[in-house]
Amino acid sequence: MPVFRRTPDVEEYFDFKRGTLYCLLDQGNIKGAVLRQAGCLKGVRLRHMASVREYILTQMDSSAIFASS
């Protein structure tokens, strides 16, 4: 698995919608970076694939605890 991917690639790989990825990033649940040259308005937003995977695993862990109670 690549370390960083663009949003459409993460959407396809993990079956998340773009809005969900932005919310998770804003909440600090996943990591990302914007690559942009100085003075440019546009850039490339990359998602850290391992952090998305870790987020999913934490959700699985918390739901397993909830289901077993």
C-alpha atoms as a PDB file:
ATOM      1  CA  MET A   1       0.000   0.000   0.000  1.00  0.00           C
ATOM      2  CA  PRO A   2       1.403   3.430  -0.911  1.00  0.00           C
ATOM      3  CA  VAL A   3       2.122   5.842   1.936  1.00  0.00           C
ATOM      4  CA  PHE A   4       0.159   8.773   0.438  1.00  0.00           C
ATOM      5  CA  ARG A   5      -2.651   8.883  -2.110  1.00  0.00           C
ATOM      6  CA  ARG A   6      -4.923  11.515  -3.624  1.00  0.00           C
ATOM      7  CA  THR A   7      -8.525  11.770  -2.461  1.00  0.00           C
ATOM      8  CA  PRO A   8     -10.114   9.853  -5.393  1.00  0.00           C
ATOM      9  CA  ASP A   9      -7.696   6.964  -4.820  1.00  0.00           C
ATOM     10  CA  VAL A  10      -8.526   6.838  -1.107  1.00  0.00           C
ATOM     11  CA  GLU A  11     -12.250   6.962  -1.957  1.00  0.00           C
ATOM     12  CA  GLU A  12     -11.861   3.942  -4.226  1.00  0.00           C
ATOM     13  CA  TYR A  13      -9.540   1.975  -1.945  1.00  0.00           C
ATOM     14  CA  PHE A  14     -11.486   2.412   1.316  1.00  0.00           C
ATOM     15  CA  ASP A  15     -14.949   3.199  -0.114  1.00  0.00           C
ATOM     16  CA  PHE A  16     -15.195   6.552   1.699  1.00  0.00           C
ATOM     17  CA  LYS A  17     -16.846   9.600   0.194  1.00  0.00           C
ATOM     18  CA  ARG A  18     -14.862  12.815  -0.292  1.00  0.00           C
ATOM     19  CA  GLY A  19     -16.927  14.691   2.304  1.00  0.00           C
ATOM     20  CA  THR A  20     -16.260  12.003   4.895  1.00  0.00           C
ATOM     21  CA  LEU A  21     -12.529  12.207   4.246  1.00  0.00           C
ATOM     22  CA  TYR A  22     -12.564  15.992   4.686  1.00  0.00           C
ATOM     23  CA  CYS A  23     -14.541  15.682   7.951  1.00  0.00           C
ATOM     24  CA  LEU A  24     -12.149  13.050   9.300  1.00  0.00           C
ATOM     25  CA  LEU A  25      -9.204  15.248   8.360  1.00  0.00           C
ATOM     26  CA  ASP A  26     -10.763  18.331  10.008  1.00  0.00           C
ATOM     27  CA  GLN A  27     -11.453  16.327  13.181  1.00  0.00           C
ATOM     28  CA  GLY A  28      -7.859  15.094  13.267  1.00  0.00           C
ATOM     29  CA  ASN A  29      -8.851  11.445  12.835  1.00  0.00           C
ATOM     30  CA  ILE A  30      -6.705  10.984   9.723  1.00  0.00           C
ATOM     31  CA  LYS A  31      -3.575  12.697   8.448  1.00  0.00           C
ATOM     32  CA  GLY A  32      -3.034  14.562   5.226  1.00  0.00           C
ATOM     33  CA  ALA A  33      -0.841  17.117   3.534  1.00  0.00           C
ATOM     34  CA  VAL A  34      -1.149  19.750   0.831  1.00  0.00           C
ATOM     35  CA  LEU A  35       1.715  20.069  -1.632  1.00  0.00           C
ATOM     36  CA  ARG A  36       1.766  23.558  -3.093  1.00  0.00           C
ATOM     37  CA  GLN A  37       4.504  25.735  -4.501  1.00  0.00           C
ATOM     38  CA  ALA A  38       5.032  29.123  -2.890  1.00  0.00           C
ATOM     39  CA  GLY A  39       2.693  31.721  -4.357  1.00  0.00           C
ATOM     40  CA  CYS A  40       0.370  29.184  -5.977  1.00  0.00           C
ATOM     41  CA  LEU A  41      -3.297  28.956  -5.058  1.00  0.00           C
ATOM     42  CA  LYS A  42      -3.742  25.354  -6.119  1.00  0.00           C
ATOM     43  CA  GLY A  43      -1.963  22.263  -4.913  1.00  0.00           C
ATOM     44  CA  VAL A  44      -2.333  18.546  -4.403  1.00  0.00           C
ATOM     45  CA  ARG A  45      -3.982  17.223  -1.245  1.00  0.00           C
ATOM     46  CA  LEU A  46      -2.658  13.849  -0.178  1.00  0.00           C
ATOM     47  CA  ARG A  47      -4.038  11.456   2.442  1.00  0.00           C
ATOM     48  CA  HIS A  48      -1.866   9.312   4.684  1.00  0.00           C
ATOM     49  CA  MET A  49      -3.110   5.799   3.924  1.00  0.00           C
ATOM     50  CA  ALA A  50      -1.916   4.238   7.186  1.00  0.00           C
ATOM     51  CA  SER A  51      -3.849   6.817   9.227  1.00  0.00           C
ATOM     52  CA  VAL A  52      -7.057   6.010   7.315  1.00  0.00           C
ATOM     53  CA  ARG A  53      -6.495   2.315   7.959  1.00  0.00           C
ATOM     54  CA  GLU A  54      -5.791   2.981  11.653  1.00  0.00           C
ATOM     55  CA  TYR A  55      -9.006   4.995  11.905  1.00  0.00           C
ATOM     56  CA  ILE A  56     -11.008   2.089  10.473  1.00  0.00           C
ATOM     57  CA  LEU A  57      -9.359  -0.340  12.887  1.00  0.00           C
ATOM     58  CA  THR A  58     -10.153   1.881  15.884  1.00  0.00           C
ATOM     59  CA  GLN A  59     -13.784   1.995  14.761  1.00  0.00           C
ATOM     60  CA  MET A  60     -13.823  -1.789  14.552  1.00  0.00           C
ATOM     61  CA  ASP A  61     -12.319  -2.059  18.053  1.00  0.00           C
ATOM     62  CA  SER A  62     -14.830   0.349  19.590  1.00  0.00           C
ATOM     63  CA  SER A  63     -17.803  -1.304  17.886  1.00  0.00           C
ATOM     64  CA  ALA A  64     -16.621  -4.748  19.025  1.00  0.00           C
ATOM     65  CA  ILE A  65     -16.467  -3.513  22.624  1.00  0.00           C
ATOM     66  CA  PHE A  66     -19.941  -1.977  22.303  1.00  0.00           C
ATOM     67  CA  ALA A  67     -21.397  -5.138  20.738  1.00  0.00           C
ATOM     68  CA  SER A  68     -20.015  -7.417  23.446  1.00  0.00           C
ATOM     69  CA  SER A  69     -21.563  -5.390  26.324  1.00  0.00           C
END
